[in-house]
Every structure is written in C-alpha cells, then in structure tokens.
C-alpha cells in the first residue's frame, strides 16, 4: 500500500481529534475543510457531509473529492479503531462533470465498490435541477476494508504523474508559454 497522498489534521494543522473539524492537505496546500464532522451512535460512527473545498480543488480538472473521501476513510480506520462505520452525504456540485446525474452515478459506483450499503441517490431540493445527493454508510469489516484499500490504491494511481498541488495551468498555460518564449530569446 502506497502512503497517503493527503495529510489529515484538525484545525490549523493540529493533530486530528474525533468529532472536531477536519482539514485536508496535499503537502502544505490546504485542499478542504470539513466542519462539522459529528460522531454518532455513541461515538462508533463518523459522519461526513460538510465538505468545503479550497480553490485548488475547485480548479483541479480531476475529481479530487473522491480521493479525499477515500483517504479520510482509510485515515479514520487506521487511527481510530472505535469507529465502526462512516456515514456520508455527498452533494457538492462539480462543474467539470458532464451532468449532475453523471456525478451522482460516479459517486454511487465508488461507494458501492468500497462496500458501502444503503447507497441512495436523490434530488437536492435546494439546488438547481439535475443536482443530486448521494448518501449511504460504509461499515467496517475485513471485506469492506480490503475493498476500500483496493479502490484507494487505484485512485492514488490517478495522481502519481502529477500531484494535486501541481497546477496544470503551469504546464500548458500562460506561465509555461511565457517561460518558453523567454528561454528562446536568451
């Protein structure tokens, strides 16, 4: 298993404590904040819903939210054995995806692949038409843990060539073209 591509902390990069807000980094770059991250069922279930991405994630062409969710699940399982389930409500609109239905189907398929149960897709009532919410629960077992790690490994491979914090605009955008032009003149 490859090491995590992200670092998960509490606020201001302090060690994470269950039930507190969660901050997610790639290197020193803040990717997202989750607040609140409530504990349910007498502290044996963690709930993920309030995902606030930074501009770095919003501008990324790849679906970084999926990687972040999987990394959070692996982090919780590896560091907090009392957590036996992770419930989730995924509703953030991603403009890079073709439609809300495509995004919902992709999220649902990922959740099913990691062994989540009671995965449901429903329209988000307070959003524009075509925006869907995917919810469900991932329950820890040896089988679901192995499925989570397998899907996470494949997702990490999507970032092997170019880390999240490497801005794609520099490779083919204005900055790269200016550097190329300046280097040709010298």
C-alpha atoms as a PDB file:
ATOM      1  CA  UNK A   1       0.000   0.000   0.000  1.00  0.00           C
ATOM      2  CA  UNK A   2       1.367   3.388  -1.030  1.00  0.00           C
ATOM      3  CA  UNK A   3       1.489   6.157   1.559  1.00  0.00           C
ATOM      4  CA  UNK A   4      -1.347   8.654   1.698  1.00  0.00           C
ATOM      5  CA  UNK A   5      -1.326  11.485  -0.843  1.00  0.00           C
ATOM      6  CA  UNK A   6      -3.004  13.775   1.638  1.00  0.00           C
ATOM      7  CA  UNK A   7      -2.471  14.741   5.250  1.00  0.00           C
ATOM      8  CA  UNK A   8      -5.465  14.979   7.558  1.00  0.00           C
ATOM      9  CA  UNK A   9      -5.367  17.215  10.611  1.00  0.00           C
ATOM     10  CA  UNK A  10      -7.532  19.189  12.944  1.00  0.00           C
ATOM     11  CA  UNK A  11      -7.869  22.963  12.593  1.00  0.00           C
ATOM     12  CA  UNK A  12      -4.641  24.866  11.943  1.00  0.00           C
ATOM     13  CA  UNK A  13      -2.753  21.616  11.238  1.00  0.00           C
ATOM     14  CA  UNK A  14      -3.093  20.324  14.802  1.00  0.00           C
ATOM     15  CA  UNK A  15      -3.446  16.533  15.249  1.00  0.00           C
ATOM     16  CA  UNK A  16      -6.943  15.353  14.393  1.00  0.00           C
ATOM     17  CA  UNK A  17      -9.321  14.558  17.237  1.00  0.00           C
ATOM     18  CA  UNK A  18     -12.577  12.699  16.617  1.00  0.00           C
ATOM     19  CA  UNK A  19     -15.636  14.904  16.447  1.00  0.00           C
ATOM     20  CA  UNK A  20     -13.653  18.049  15.604  1.00  0.00           C
ATOM     21  CA  UNK A  21     -13.366  19.792  12.225  1.00  0.00           C
ATOM     22  CA  UNK A  22     -11.060  18.084   9.743  1.00  0.00           C
ATOM     23  CA  UNK A  23      -8.558  19.838   7.456  1.00  0.00           C
ATOM     24  CA  UNK A  24      -7.114  18.036   4.434  1.00  0.00           C
ATOM     25  CA  UNK A  25      -3.748  18.966   2.907  1.00  0.00           C
ATOM     26  CA  UNK A  26      -1.606  17.955  -0.074  1.00  0.00           C
ATOM     27  CA  UNK A  27       1.860  18.814   1.172  1.00  0.00           C
ATOM     28  CA  UNK A  28       1.422  22.278   2.652  1.00  0.00           C
ATOM     29  CA  UNK A  29      -1.538  23.155   0.407  1.00  0.00           C
ATOM     30  CA  UNK A  30      -4.943  23.140   2.104  1.00  0.00           C
ATOM     31  CA  UNK A  31      -7.405  21.189  -0.059  1.00  0.00           C
ATOM     32  CA  UNK A  32     -10.555  21.204   2.032  1.00  0.00           C
ATOM     33  CA  UNK A  33     -12.148  21.665   5.410  1.00  0.00           C
ATOM     34  CA  UNK A  34     -14.912  19.503   6.840  1.00  0.00           C
ATOM     35  CA  UNK A  35     -16.910  21.096   9.628  1.00  0.00           C
ATOM     36  CA  UNK A  36     -18.733  19.640  11.417  1.00  0.00           C
ATOM     37  CA  UNK A  37     -17.598  16.021  11.481  1.00  0.00           C
ATOM     38  CA  UNK A  38     -20.009  14.626  14.059  1.00  0.00           C
ATOM     39  CA  UNK A  39     -19.750  11.370  15.935  1.00  0.00           C
ATOM     40  CA  UNK A  40     -22.928   9.306  16.025  1.00  0.00           C
ATOM     41  CA  UNK A  41     -24.117   6.100  17.710  1.00  0.00           C
ATOM     42  CA  UNK A  42     -22.237   6.578  20.987  1.00  0.00           C
ATOM     43  CA  UNK A  43     -19.020   7.522  19.192  1.00  0.00           C
ATOM     44  CA  UNK A  44     -18.765   4.482  16.888  1.00  0.00           C
ATOM     45  CA  UNK A  45     -19.845   6.228  13.664  1.00  0.00           C
ATOM     46  CA  UNK A  46     -18.341   9.273  11.940  1.00  0.00           C
ATOM     47  CA  UNK A  47     -20.485  11.377   9.595  1.00  0.00           C
ATOM     48  CA  UNK A  48     -19.021  13.151   6.547  1.00  0.00           C
ATOM     49  CA  UNK A  49     -21.084  15.807   4.834  1.00  0.00           C
ATOM     50  CA  UNK A  50     -19.919  19.413   5.227  1.00  0.00           C
ATOM     51  CA  UNK A  51     -17.128  19.437   2.613  1.00  0.00           C
ATOM     52  CA  UNK A  52     -15.678  22.890   1.857  1.00  0.00           C
ATOM     53  CA  UNK A  53     -13.061  22.675  -0.912  1.00  0.00           C
ATOM     54  CA  UNK A  54     -10.431  25.341  -1.495  1.00  0.00           C
ATOM     55  CA  UNK A  55      -9.855  26.979  -4.879  1.00  0.00           C
ATOM     56  CA  UNK A  56      -7.091  24.437  -5.509  1.00  0.00           C
ATOM     57  CA  UNK A  57      -9.686  21.636  -5.524  1.00  0.00           C
ATOM     58  CA  UNK A  58     -12.318  23.678  -7.362  1.00  0.00           C
ATOM     59  CA  UNK A  59      -9.837  24.456 -10.169  1.00  0.00           C
ATOM     60  CA  UNK A  60      -8.495  20.886 -10.423  1.00  0.00           C
ATOM     61  CA  UNK A  61      -9.658  19.063 -13.550  1.00  0.00           C
ATOM     62  CA  UNK A  62      -9.577  15.690 -11.788  1.00  0.00           C
ATOM     63  CA  UNK A  63     -12.270  14.646  -9.286  1.00  0.00           C
ATOM     64  CA  UNK A  64     -10.142  15.216  -6.154  1.00  0.00           C
ATOM     65  CA  UNK A  65     -13.145  14.895  -3.829  1.00  0.00           C
ATOM     66  CA  UNK A  66     -13.247  11.146  -4.434  1.00  0.00           C
ATOM     67  CA  UNK A  67      -9.583  10.772  -3.428  1.00  0.00           C
ATOM     68  CA  UNK A  68     -10.125  12.950  -0.352  1.00  0.00           C
ATOM     69  CA  UNK A  69     -13.150  10.900   0.767  1.00  0.00           C
ATOM     70  CA  UNK A  70     -11.271   7.610   0.351  1.00  0.00           C
ATOM     71  CA  UNK A  71      -8.190   8.964   2.148  1.00  0.00           C
ATOM     72  CA  UNK A  72     -10.372  10.177   5.029  1.00  0.00           C
ATOM     73  CA  UNK A  73     -11.973   6.734   5.356  1.00  0.00           C
ATOM     74  CA  UNK A  74      -8.569   4.998   5.368  1.00  0.00           C
ATOM     75  CA  UNK A  75      -7.192   7.540   7.873  1.00  0.00           C
ATOM     76  CA  UNK A  76     -10.118   7.036  10.255  1.00  0.00           C
ATOM     77  CA  UNK A  77      -9.966   3.229  10.043  1.00  0.00           C
ATOM     78  CA  UNK A  78      -6.198   3.162  10.616  1.00  0.00           C
ATOM     79  CA  UNK A  79      -6.160   5.656  13.506  1.00  0.00           C
ATOM     80  CA  UNK A  80      -9.474   5.285  15.334  1.00  0.00           C
ATOM     81  CA  UNK A  81     -10.436   1.639  15.890  1.00  0.00           C
ATOM     82  CA  UNK A  82     -13.575   2.602  17.807  1.00  0.00           C
ATOM     83  CA  UNK A  83     -15.118   3.905  14.562  1.00  0.00           C
ATOM     84  CA  UNK A  84     -17.060   1.036  13.028  1.00  0.00           C
ATOM     85  CA  UNK A  85     -18.977   2.994  10.393  1.00  0.00           C
ATOM     86  CA  UNK A  86     -18.673   6.130   8.275  1.00  0.00           C
ATOM     87  CA  UNK A  87     -21.910   7.633   7.038  1.00  0.00           C
ATOM     88  CA  UNK A  88     -21.827  10.166   4.240  1.00  0.00           C
ATOM     89  CA  UNK A  89     -23.906  12.653   2.306  1.00  0.00           C
ATOM     90  CA  UNK A  90     -22.126  13.787  -0.863  1.00  0.00           C
ATOM     91  CA  UNK A  91     -23.788  16.767  -2.501  1.00  0.00           C
ATOM     92  CA  UNK A  92     -21.141  19.208  -3.735  1.00  0.00           C
ATOM     93  CA  UNK A  93     -21.717  20.214  -7.351  1.00  0.00           C
ATOM     94  CA  UNK A  94     -18.652  19.753  -9.580  1.00  0.00           C
ATOM     95  CA  UNK A  95     -18.814  21.814 -12.739  1.00  0.00           C
ATOM     96  CA  UNK A  96     -16.153  19.724 -14.501  1.00  0.00           C
ATOM     97  CA  UNK A  97     -18.518  16.726 -14.565  1.00  0.00           C
ATOM     98  CA  UNK A  98     -20.874  16.489 -17.559  1.00  0.00           C
ATOM     99  CA  UNK A  99     -24.117  16.484 -15.582  1.00  0.00           C
ATOM    100  CA  UNK A 100     -25.333  16.042 -12.044  1.00  0.00           C
ATOM    101  CA  UNK A 101     -26.600  12.596 -12.986  1.00  0.00           C
ATOM    102  CA  UNK A 102     -23.136  11.559 -14.200  1.00  0.00           C
ATOM    103  CA  UNK A 103     -21.570  12.830 -10.970  1.00  0.00           C
ATOM    104  CA  UNK A 104     -24.155  11.042  -8.819  1.00  0.00           C
ATOM    105  CA  UNK A 105     -23.665   7.792 -10.747  1.00  0.00           C
ATOM    106  CA  UNK A 106     -19.889   8.070 -10.361  1.00  0.00           C
ATOM    107  CA  UNK A 107     -20.179   8.690  -6.624  1.00  0.00           C
ATOM    108  CA  UNK A 108     -22.655   5.855  -6.183  1.00  0.00           C
ATOM    109  CA  UNK A 109     -20.443   3.449  -8.133  1.00  0.00           C
ATOM    110  CA  UNK A 110     -17.401   4.346  -5.996  1.00  0.00           C
ATOM    111  CA  UNK A 111     -19.360   3.881  -2.767  1.00  0.00           C
ATOM    112  CA  UNK A 112     -20.633   0.501  -3.953  1.00  0.00           C
ATOM    113  CA  UNK A 113     -17.100  -0.579  -4.901  1.00  0.00           C
ATOM    114  CA  UNK A 114     -15.833   0.127  -1.353  1.00  0.00           C
ATOM    115  CA  UNK A 115     -18.695  -1.873   0.120  1.00  0.00           C
ATOM    116  CA  UNK A 116     -20.983   0.932   1.292  1.00  0.00           C
ATOM    117  CA  UNK A 117     -24.574  -0.061   1.991  1.00  0.00           C
ATOM    118  CA  UNK A 118     -27.886   1.727   1.689  1.00  0.00           C
ATOM    119  CA  UNK A 119     -26.404   3.925  -1.075  1.00  0.00           C
ATOM    120  CA  UNK A 120     -29.133   6.259  -2.262  1.00  0.00           C
ATOM    121  CA  UNK A 121     -29.320   8.936  -4.940  1.00  0.00           C
ATOM    122  CA  UNK A 122     -31.915  11.668  -4.502  1.00  0.00           C
ATOM    123  CA  UNK A 123     -32.505  15.133  -5.950  1.00  0.00           C
ATOM    124  CA  UNK A 124     -31.118  18.001  -3.889  1.00  0.00           C
ATOM    125  CA  UNK A 125     -34.204  20.070  -3.195  1.00  0.00           C
ATOM    126  CA  UNK A 126     -32.491  23.413  -2.600  1.00  0.00           C
ATOM    127  CA  UNK A 127     -30.281  23.298  -5.715  1.00  0.00           C
ATOM    128  CA  UNK A 128     -30.690  23.766  -9.432  1.00  0.00           C
ATOM    129  CA  UNK A 129     -32.402  20.941 -11.354  1.00  0.00           C
ATOM    130  CA  UNK A 130     -30.146  17.989 -12.089  1.00  0.00           C
ATOM    131  CA  UNK A 131     -28.213  18.247  -8.827  1.00  0.00           C
ATOM    132  CA  UNK A 132     -28.248  15.041  -6.791  1.00  0.00           C
ATOM    133  CA  UNK A 133     -27.220  13.885  -3.330  1.00  0.00           C
ATOM    134  CA  UNK A 134     -25.561  10.516  -2.765  1.00  0.00           C
ATOM    135  CA  UNK A 135     -25.822   9.101   0.742  1.00  0.00           C
ATOM    136  CA  UNK A 136     -25.075   5.845   2.476  1.00  0.00           C
ATOM    137  CA  UNK A 137     -22.928   4.166   5.074  1.00  0.00           C
ATOM    138  CA  UNK A 138     -19.642   2.310   4.957  1.00  0.00           C
ATOM    139  CA  UNK A 139     -19.428  -0.317   7.705  1.00  0.00           C
ATOM    140  CA  UNK A 140     -16.048  -1.665   8.727  1.00  0.00           C
ATOM    141  CA  UNK A 141     -15.322  -5.358   8.090  1.00  0.00           C
ATOM    142  CA  UNK A 142     -12.292  -7.166   6.685  1.00  0.00           C
ATOM    143  CA  UNK A 143     -14.053  -7.354   3.315  1.00  0.00           C
ATOM    144  CA  UNK A 144     -15.026  -3.662   3.156  1.00  0.00           C
ATOM    145  CA  UNK A 145     -11.622  -2.580   4.446  1.00  0.00           C
ATOM    146  CA  UNK A 146      -9.900  -4.561   1.675  1.00  0.00           C
ATOM    147  CA  UNK A 147     -12.311  -3.079  -0.889  1.00  0.00           C
ATOM    148  CA  UNK A 148     -11.616   0.450   0.399  1.00  0.00           C
ATOM    149  CA  UNK A 149      -7.847  -0.054   0.174  1.00  0.00           C
ATOM    150  CA  UNK A 150      -8.112  -1.517  -3.333  1.00  0.00           C
ATOM    151  CA  UNK A 151     -10.187   1.398  -4.655  1.00  0.00           C
ATOM    152  CA  UNK A 152      -7.953   3.896  -2.852  1.00  0.00           C
ATOM    153  CA  UNK A 153      -4.832   2.371  -4.433  1.00  0.00           C
ATOM    154  CA  UNK A 154      -6.352   2.777  -7.908  1.00  0.00           C
ATOM    155  CA  UNK A 155      -7.420   6.342  -7.140  1.00  0.00           C
ATOM    156  CA  UNK A 156      -3.929   7.232  -5.900  1.00  0.00           C
ATOM    157  CA  UNK A 157      -2.533   5.997  -9.226  1.00  0.00           C
ATOM    158  CA  UNK A 158      -4.501   8.796 -10.933  1.00  0.00           C
ATOM    159  CA  UNK A 159      -2.288  11.297  -9.103  1.00  0.00           C
ATOM    160  CA  UNK A 160       1.071   9.528  -9.489  1.00  0.00           C
ATOM    161  CA  UNK A 161       2.179  11.578 -12.510  1.00  0.00           C
ATOM    162  CA  UNK A 162       1.026  14.971 -11.287  1.00  0.00           C
ATOM    163  CA  UNK A 163       0.308  15.717  -7.634  1.00  0.00           C
ATOM    164  CA  UNK A 164      -2.800  17.638  -6.643  1.00  0.00           C
ATOM    165  CA  UNK A 165      -0.844  20.752  -5.774  1.00  0.00           C
ATOM    166  CA  UNK A 166       0.874  20.834  -9.203  1.00  0.00           C
ATOM    167  CA  UNK A 167      -1.112  23.386 -11.135  1.00  0.00           C
ATOM    168  CA  UNK A 168      -1.993  22.208 -14.613  1.00  0.00           C
ATOM    169  CA  UNK A 169      -2.006  25.787 -15.905  1.00  0.00           C
ATOM    170  CA  UNK A 170       1.753  25.974 -15.465  1.00  0.00           C
ATOM    171  CA  UNK A 171       2.385  23.009 -17.758  1.00  0.00           C
ATOM    172  CA  UNK A 172       0.437  24.254 -20.760  1.00  0.00           C
ATOM    173  CA  UNK A 173      -0.895  27.643 -19.830  1.00  0.00           C
ATOM    174  CA  UNK A 174       0.222  31.231 -19.996  1.00  0.00           C
ATOM    175  CA  UNK A 175       3.058  30.873 -17.482  1.00  0.00           C
ATOM    176  CA  UNK A 176       4.602  27.942 -19.353  1.00  0.00           C
ATOM    177  CA  UNK A 177       4.304  29.713 -22.702  1.00  0.00           C
ATOM    178  CA  UNK A 178       5.936  32.862 -21.304  1.00  0.00           C
ATOM    179  CA  UNK A 179       8.795  30.818 -19.844  1.00  0.00           C
ATOM    180  CA  UNK A 180       9.226  29.070 -23.189  1.00  0.00           C
ATOM    181  CA  UNK A 181       9.232  32.390 -25.074  1.00  0.00           C
ATOM    182  CA  UNK A 182      11.744  33.981 -22.687  1.00  0.00           C
ATOM    183  CA  UNK A 183      14.042  30.931 -22.822  1.00  0.00           C
ATOM    184  CA  UNK A 184      14.096  31.025 -26.653  1.00  0.00           C
ATOM    185  CA  UNK A 185      15.194  34.683 -26.656  1.00  0.00           C
ATOM    186  CA  UNK A 186      18.134  34.186 -24.307  1.00  0.00           C
END
